[in-house]
Amino acid sequence: MIDSDSVSVTAKDTSTIDSVVVGASIAGSYSPASGAGALSIGVALADNDIDNDTIASIDNVTIGASDDRTGR
């Protein structure tokens, strides 16, 4: 049971998102009079790190035990 005339709730969120992305590509071609040829290679790498810390506090509240079993 929480009994109070007014309640103040404060929360602080310190979320961070860190992203690292790397890409590479190689291309080629050849044809002296249809000796033909072609080459293409592509690579993409990504790393995402998401961190979330939230701290909340309640002020102006008296919290205690009670023998009241009614749930009020």
PDB file of N, CA and C in Angstrom:
ATOM      1  N   MET A   1       0.844  -1.172   0.000  1.00  0.00           N
ATOM      2  CA  MET A   1       0.000   0.000   0.000  1.00  0.00           C
ATOM      3  C   MET A   1       0.891   1.236   0.000  1.00  0.00           C
ATOM      4  N   ILE A   2       0.574   2.153  -0.860  1.00  0.00           N
ATOM      5  CA  ILE A   2       1.270   3.432  -0.927  1.00  0.00           C
ATOM      6  C   ILE A   2       0.232   4.521  -0.701  1.00  0.00           C
ATOM      7  N   ASP A   3       0.497   5.394   0.286  1.00  0.00           N
ATOM      8  CA  ASP A   3      -0.436   6.467   0.622  1.00  0.00           C
ATOM      9  C   ASP A   3       0.317   7.777   0.586  1.00  0.00           C
ATOM     10  N   SER A   4      -0.150   8.712  -0.241  1.00  0.00           N
ATOM     11  CA  SER A   4       0.546   9.985  -0.367  1.00  0.00           C
ATOM     12  C   SER A   4      -0.400  11.042  -0.908  1.00  0.00           C
ATOM     13  N   ASP A   5      -0.156  12.312  -0.546  1.00  0.00           N
ATOM     14  CA  ASP A   5      -0.935  13.414  -1.104  1.00  0.00           C
ATOM     15  C   ASP A   5      -0.452  13.763  -2.511  1.00  0.00           C
ATOM     16  N   SER A   6       0.841  13.614  -2.735  1.00  0.00           N
ATOM     17  CA  SER A   6       1.397  13.847  -4.064  1.00  0.00           C
ATOM     18  C   SER A   6       2.583  12.919  -4.265  1.00  0.00           C
ATOM     19  N   VAL A   7       2.785  12.527  -5.492  1.00  0.00           N
ATOM     20  CA  VAL A   7       3.870  11.607  -5.828  1.00  0.00           C
ATOM     21  C   VAL A   7       4.670  12.214  -6.974  1.00  0.00           C
ATOM     22  N   SER A   8       5.977  12.136  -6.876  1.00  0.00           N
ATOM     23  CA  SER A   8       6.859  12.604  -7.934  1.00  0.00           C
ATOM     24  C   SER A   8       7.679  11.425  -8.430  1.00  0.00           C
ATOM     25  N   VAL A   9       7.566  11.132  -9.715  1.00  0.00           N
ATOM     26  CA  VAL A   9       8.330  10.042 -10.318  1.00  0.00           C
ATOM     27  C   VAL A   9       9.338  10.650 -11.287  1.00  0.00           C
ATOM     28  N   THR A  10      10.592  10.280 -11.121  1.00  0.00           N
ATOM     29  CA  THR A  10      11.657  10.764 -11.991  1.00  0.00           C
ATOM     30  C   THR A  10      12.344   9.570 -12.629  1.00  0.00           C
ATOM     31  N   ALA A  11      12.585   9.646 -13.936  1.00  0.00           N
ATOM     32  CA  ALA A  11      13.283   8.560 -14.631  1.00  0.00           C
ATOM     33  C   ALA A  11      14.366   9.160 -15.515  1.00  0.00           C
ATOM     34  N   LYS A  12      15.488   8.479 -15.576  1.00  0.00           N
ATOM     35  CA  LYS A  12      16.595   8.901 -16.430  1.00  0.00           C
ATOM     36  C   LYS A  12      16.956   7.734 -17.336  1.00  0.00           C
ATOM     37  N   ASP A  13      16.954   7.982 -18.636  1.00  0.00           N
ATOM     38  CA  ASP A  13      17.248   6.954 -19.625  1.00  0.00           C
ATOM     39  C   ASP A  13      18.579   7.298 -20.288  1.00  0.00           C
ATOM     40  N   THR A  14      19.521   6.384 -20.219  1.00  0.00           N
ATOM     41  CA  THR A  14      20.828   6.611 -20.842  1.00  0.00           C
ATOM     42  C   THR A  14      21.049   5.582 -21.941  1.00  0.00           C
ATOM     43  N   SER A  15      20.218   5.662 -22.977  1.00  0.00           N
ATOM     44  CA  SER A  15      20.327   4.733 -24.103  1.00  0.00           C
ATOM     45  C   SER A  15      21.453   5.144 -25.041  1.00  0.00           C
ATOM     46  N   THR A  16      22.125   4.149 -25.592  1.00  0.00           N
ATOM     47  CA  THR A  16      23.144   4.405 -26.602  1.00  0.00           C
ATOM     48  C   THR A  16      23.013   3.387 -27.726  1.00  0.00           C
ATOM     49  N   ILE A  17      23.296   3.833 -28.929  1.00  0.00           N
ATOM     50  CA  ILE A  17      23.345   2.947 -30.091  1.00  0.00           C
ATOM     51  C   ILE A  17      24.675   3.208 -30.797  1.00  0.00           C
ATOM     52  N   ASP A  18      25.490   2.177 -30.881  1.00  0.00           N
ATOM     53  CA  ASP A  18      26.771   2.275 -31.576  1.00  0.00           C
ATOM     54  C   ASP A  18      26.716   1.386 -32.815  1.00  0.00           C
ATOM     55  N   SER A  19      27.071   1.956 -33.969  1.00  0.00           N
ATOM     56  CA  SER A  19      27.055   1.207 -35.228  1.00  0.00           C
ATOM     57  C   SER A  19      28.399   1.312 -35.921  1.00  0.00           C
ATOM     58  N   VAL A  20      28.859   0.189 -36.430  1.00  0.00           N
ATOM     59  CA  VAL A  20      30.073   0.154 -37.238  1.00  0.00           C
ATOM     60  C   VAL A  20      29.725  -0.574 -38.536  1.00  0.00           C
ATOM     61  N   VAL A  21      29.991   0.072 -39.666  1.00  0.00           N
ATOM     62  CA  VAL A  21      29.664  -0.512 -40.967  1.00  0.00           C
ATOM     63  C   VAL A  21      30.903  -0.433 -41.860  1.00  0.00           C
ATOM     64  N   VAL A  22      31.202  -1.537 -42.528  1.00  0.00           N
ATOM     65  CA  VAL A  22      32.336  -1.594 -43.445  1.00  0.00           C
ATOM     66  C   VAL A  22      31.863  -2.215 -44.757  1.00  0.00           C
ATOM     67  N   GLY A  23      32.237  -1.638 -45.851  1.00  0.00           N
ATOM     68  CA  GLY A  23      31.864  -2.190 -47.150  1.00  0.00           C
ATOM     69  C   GLY A  23      33.060  -2.204 -48.095  1.00  0.00           C
ATOM     70  N   ALA A  24      33.100  -3.188 -48.971  1.00  0.00           N
ATOM     71  CA  ALA A  24      34.171  -3.290 -49.958  1.00  0.00           C
ATOM     72  C   ALA A  24      33.607  -3.871 -51.246  1.00  0.00           C
ATOM     73  N   SER A  25      34.206  -3.500 -52.350  1.00  0.00           N
ATOM     74  CA  SER A  25      33.721  -3.997 -53.632  1.00  0.00           C
ATOM     75  C   SER A  25      34.895  -4.092 -54.611  1.00  0.00           C
ATOM     76  N   ILE A  26      34.859  -5.089 -55.458  1.00  0.00           N
ATOM     77  CA  ILE A  26      35.840  -5.252 -56.531  1.00  0.00           C
ATOM     78  C   ILE A  26      35.045  -5.517 -57.812  1.00  0.00           C
ATOM     79  N   ALA A  27      35.395  -4.861 -58.862  1.00  0.00           N
ATOM     80  CA  ALA A  27      34.708  -5.085 -60.131  1.00  0.00           C
ATOM     81  C   ALA A  27      35.748  -5.220 -61.244  1.00  0.00           C
ATOM     82  N   GLY A  28      35.391  -5.879 -62.277  1.00  0.00           N
ATOM     83  CA  GLY A  28      36.323  -6.034 -63.376  1.00  0.00           C
ATOM     84  C   GLY A  28      35.587  -6.293 -64.676  1.00  0.00           C
ATOM     85  N   SER A  29      36.297  -6.238 -65.732  1.00  0.00           N
ATOM     86  CA  SER A  29      35.723  -6.531 -67.042  1.00  0.00           C
ATOM     87  C   SER A  29      36.868  -6.777 -68.029  1.00  0.00           C
ATOM     88  N   TYR A  30      36.585  -7.423 -69.119  1.00  0.00           N
ATOM     89  CA  TYR A  30      37.591  -7.721 -70.137  1.00  0.00           C
ATOM     90  C   TYR A  30      36.854  -8.043 -71.416  1.00  0.00           C
ATOM     91  N   SER A  31      37.378  -7.666 -72.531  1.00  0.00           N
ATOM     92  CA  SER A  31      36.704  -8.029 -73.766  1.00  0.00           C
ATOM     93  C   SER A  31      37.527  -7.977 -75.031  1.00  0.00           C
ATOM     94  N   PRO A  32      38.781  -7.702 -75.077  1.00  0.00           N
ATOM     95  CA  PRO A  32      39.416  -7.547 -76.400  1.00  0.00           C
ATOM     96  C   PRO A  32      38.811  -8.490 -77.447  1.00  0.00           C
ATOM     97  N   ALA A  33      37.922  -7.880 -78.145  1.00  0.00           N
ATOM     98  CA  ALA A  33      37.206  -8.555 -79.232  1.00  0.00           C
ATOM     99  C   ALA A  33      36.596  -9.861 -78.781  1.00  0.00           C
ATOM    100  N   SER A  34      35.835  -9.783 -77.739  1.00  0.00           N
ATOM    101  CA  SER A  34      35.020 -10.876 -77.195  1.00  0.00           C
ATOM    102  C   SER A  34      35.811 -12.035 -76.628  1.00  0.00           C
ATOM    103  N   GLY A  35      36.892 -11.718 -76.026  1.00  0.00           N
ATOM    104  CA  GLY A  35      37.530 -12.710 -75.172  1.00  0.00           C
ATOM    105  C   GLY A  35      36.711 -12.813 -73.898  1.00  0.00           C
ATOM    106  N   ALA A  36      35.681 -11.940 -73.803  1.00  0.00           N
ATOM    107  CA  ALA A  36      34.719 -11.854 -72.716  1.00  0.00           C
ATOM    108  C   ALA A  36      35.380 -11.768 -71.346  1.00  0.00           C
ATOM    109  N   GLY A  37      34.622 -11.957 -70.331  1.00  0.00           N
ATOM    110  CA  GLY A  37      35.083 -11.931 -68.959  1.00  0.00           C
ATOM    111  C   GLY A  37      34.299 -10.936 -68.120  1.00  0.00           C
ATOM    112  N   ALA A  38      34.286 -11.168 -66.874  1.00  0.00           N
ATOM    113  CA  ALA A  38      33.640 -10.269 -65.910  1.00  0.00           C
ATOM    114  C   ALA A  38      33.914 -10.809 -64.505  1.00  0.00           C
ATOM    115  N   LEU A  39      33.975  -9.936 -63.578  1.00  0.00           N
ATOM    116  CA  LEU A  39      34.201 -10.326 -62.189  1.00  0.00           C
ATOM    117  C   LEU A  39      33.597  -9.255 -61.299  1.00  0.00           C
ATOM    118  N   SER A  40      32.905  -9.671 -60.273  1.00  0.00           N
ATOM    119  CA  SER A  40      32.338  -8.719 -59.330  1.00  0.00           C
ATOM    120  C   SER A  40      32.241  -9.379 -57.963  1.00  0.00           C
ATOM    121  N   ILE A  41      32.818  -8.775 -56.968  1.00  0.00           N
ATOM    122  CA  ILE A  41      32.774  -9.300 -55.598  1.00  0.00           C
ATOM    123  C   ILE A  41      32.362  -8.162 -54.678  1.00  0.00           C
ATOM    124  N   GLY A  42      31.447  -8.397 -53.789  1.00  0.00           N
ATOM    125  CA  GLY A  42      31.014  -7.370 -52.840  1.00  0.00           C
ATOM    126  C   GLY A  42      30.890  -7.944 -51.445  1.00  0.00           C
ATOM    127  N   VAL A  43      31.286  -7.168 -50.469  1.00  0.00           N
ATOM    128  CA  VAL A  43      31.196  -7.587 -49.066  1.00  0.00           C
ATOM    129  C   VAL A  43      30.693  -6.409 -48.243  1.00  0.00           C
ATOM    130  N   ALA A  44      29.766  -6.654 -47.333  1.00  0.00           N
ATOM    131  CA  ALA A  44      29.283  -5.629 -46.410  1.00  0.00           C
ATOM    132  C   ALA A  44      29.157  -6.251 -45.021  1.00  0.00           C
ATOM    133  N   LEU A  45      29.709  -5.581 -44.030  1.00  0.00           N
ATOM    134  CA  LEU A  45      29.648  -6.048 -42.651  1.00  0.00           C
ATOM    135  C   LEU A  45      29.078  -4.933 -41.767  1.00  0.00           C
ATOM    136  N   ALA A  46      28.238  -5.308 -40.820  1.00  0.00           N
ATOM    137  CA  ALA A  46      27.650  -4.319 -39.909  1.00  0.00           C
ATOM    138  C   ALA A  46      27.597  -4.893 -38.501  1.00  0.00           C
ATOM    139  N   ASP A  47      27.890  -4.050 -37.527  1.00  0.00           N
ATOM    140  CA  ASP A  47      27.799  -4.443 -36.118  1.00  0.00           C
ATOM    141  C   ASP A  47      27.063  -3.337 -35.380  1.00  0.00           C
ATOM    142  N   ASN A  48      25.942  -3.684 -34.756  1.00  0.00           N
ATOM    143  CA  ASN A  48      25.139  -2.722 -33.999  1.00  0.00           C
ATOM    144  C   ASN A  48      25.105  -3.144 -32.533  1.00  0.00           C
ATOM    145  N   ASP A  49      25.354  -2.202 -31.653  1.00  0.00           N
ATOM    146  CA  ASP A  49      25.313  -2.462 -30.220  1.00  0.00           C
ATOM    147  C   ASP A  49      24.341  -1.474 -29.584  1.00  0.00           C
ATOM    148  N   ILE A  50      23.263  -2.000 -28.982  1.00  0.00           N
ATOM    149  CA  ILE A  50      22.246  -1.160 -28.362  1.00  0.00           C
ATOM    150  C   ILE A  50      22.263  -1.429 -26.864  1.00  0.00           C
ATOM    151  N   ASP A  51      22.417  -0.361 -26.082  1.00  0.00           N
ATOM    152  CA  ASP A  51      22.468  -0.475 -24.627  1.00  0.00           C
ATOM    153  C   ASP A  51      21.437   0.475 -24.033  1.00  0.00           C
ATOM    154  N   ASN A  52      20.682  -0.004 -23.059  1.00  0.00           N
ATOM    155  CA  ASN A  52      19.645   0.814 -22.446  1.00  0.00           C
ATOM    156  C   ASN A  52      19.687   0.638 -20.943  1.00  0.00           C
ATOM    157  N   ASP A  53      19.922   1.720 -20.233  1.00  0.00           N
ATOM    158  CA  ASP A  53      19.881   1.724 -18.777  1.00  0.00           C
ATOM    159  C   ASP A  53      18.888   2.789 -18.343  1.00  0.00           C
ATOM    160  N   THR A  54      17.912   2.399 -17.526  1.00  0.00           N
ATOM    161  CA  THR A  54      16.922   3.341 -17.018  1.00  0.00           C
ATOM    162  C   THR A  54      16.893   3.267 -15.499  1.00  0.00           C
ATOM    163  N   ILE A  55      16.937   4.429 -14.881  1.00  0.00           N
ATOM    164  CA  ILE A  55      16.859   4.516 -13.429  1.00  0.00           C
ATOM    165  C   ILE A  55      15.642   5.370 -13.096  1.00  0.00           C
ATOM    166  N   ALA A  56      14.766   4.855 -12.228  1.00  0.00           N
ATOM    167  CA  ALA A  56      13.567   5.597 -11.831  1.00  0.00           C
ATOM    168  C   ALA A  56      13.510   5.692 -10.314  1.00  0.00           C
ATOM    169  N   SER A  57      13.009   6.824  -9.831  1.00  0.00           N
ATOM    170  CA  SER A  57      12.853   6.990  -8.391  1.00  0.00           C
ATOM    171  C   SER A  57      11.512   7.647  -8.099  1.00  0.00           C
ATOM    172  N   ILE A  58      10.969   7.356  -6.929  1.00  0.00           N
ATOM    173  CA  ILE A  58       9.698   7.915  -6.483  1.00  0.00           C
ATOM    174  C   ILE A  58       9.971   8.702  -5.208  1.00  0.00           C
ATOM    175  N   ASP A  59       9.532   9.967  -5.174  1.00  0.00           N
ATOM    176  CA  ASP A  59       9.732  10.832  -4.021  1.00  0.00           C
ATOM    177  C   ASP A  59       8.395  11.157  -3.363  1.00  0.00           C
ATOM    178  N   ASN A  60       8.446  11.606  -2.126  1.00  0.00           N
ATOM    179  CA  ASN A  60       7.278  12.031  -1.347  1.00  0.00           C
ATOM    180  C   ASN A  60       6.306  10.894  -1.068  1.00  0.00           C
ATOM    181  N   VAL A  61       6.819   9.714  -0.839  1.00  0.00           N
ATOM    182  CA  VAL A  61       5.960   8.554  -0.584  1.00  0.00           C
ATOM    183  C   VAL A  61       6.468   7.824   0.653  1.00  0.00           C
ATOM    184  N   THR A  62       5.539   7.431   1.492  1.00  0.00           N
ATOM    185  CA  THR A  62       5.882   6.597   2.630  1.00  0.00           C
ATOM    186  C   THR A  62       5.454   5.180   2.308  1.00  0.00           C
ATOM    187  N   ILE A  63       6.402   4.278   2.290  1.00  0.00           N
ATOM    188  CA  ILE A  63       6.107   2.884   1.977  1.00  0.00           C
ATOM    189  C   ILE A  63       6.304   2.082   3.259  1.00  0.00           C
ATOM    190  N   GLY A  64       5.325   1.293   3.606  1.00  0.00           N
ATOM    191  CA  GLY A  64       5.443   0.512   4.826  1.00  0.00           C
ATOM    192  C   GLY A  64       4.566  -0.713   4.779  1.00  0.00           C
ATOM    193  N   ALA A  65       4.660  -1.493   5.797  1.00  0.00           N
ATOM    194  CA  ALA A  65       3.845  -2.704   5.910  1.00  0.00           C
ATOM    195  C   ALA A  65       2.550  -2.378   6.626  1.00  0.00           C
ATOM    196  N   SER A  66       1.528  -3.171   6.329  1.00  0.00           N
ATOM    197  CA  SER A  66       0.219  -2.957   6.950  1.00  0.00           C
ATOM    198  C   SER A  66      -0.429  -4.297   7.213  1.00  0.00           C
ATOM    199  N   ASP A  67      -1.313  -4.326   8.207  1.00  0.00           N
ATOM    200  CA  ASP A  67      -2.094  -5.537   8.474  1.00  0.00           C
ATOM    201  C   ASP A  67      -3.377  -5.533   7.646  1.00  0.00           C
ATOM    202  N   ASP A  68      -3.604  -4.504   6.853  1.00  0.00           N
ATOM    203  CA  ASP A  68      -4.793  -4.413   6.028  1.00  0.00           C
ATOM    204  C   ASP A  68      -4.703  -5.441   4.903  1.00  0.00           C
ATOM    205  N   ARG A  69      -5.587  -6.417   4.879  1.00  0.00           N
ATOM    206  CA  ARG A  69      -5.555  -7.501   3.892  1.00  0.00           C
ATOM    207  C   ARG A  69      -6.571  -7.303   2.761  1.00  0.00           C
ATOM    208  N   THR A  70      -7.178  -6.127   2.702  1.00  0.00           N
ATOM    209  CA  THR A  70      -8.215  -5.910   1.689  1.00  0.00           C
ATOM    210  C   THR A  70      -7.639  -5.518   0.344  1.00  0.00           C
ATOM    211  N   GLY A  71      -6.360  -5.212   0.292  1.00  0.00           N
ATOM    212  CA  GLY A  71      -5.757  -4.826  -0.967  1.00  0.00           C
ATOM    213  C   GLY A  71      -6.021  -3.373  -1.330  1.00  0.00           C
ATOM    214  N   ARG A  72      -6.448  -2.583  -0.366  1.00  0.00           N
ATOM    215  CA  ARG A  72      -6.714  -1.168  -0.639  1.00  0.00           C
ATOM    216  C   ARG A  72      -5.582  -0.313  -0.162  1.00  0.00           C
TER     217      ARG A  72
END
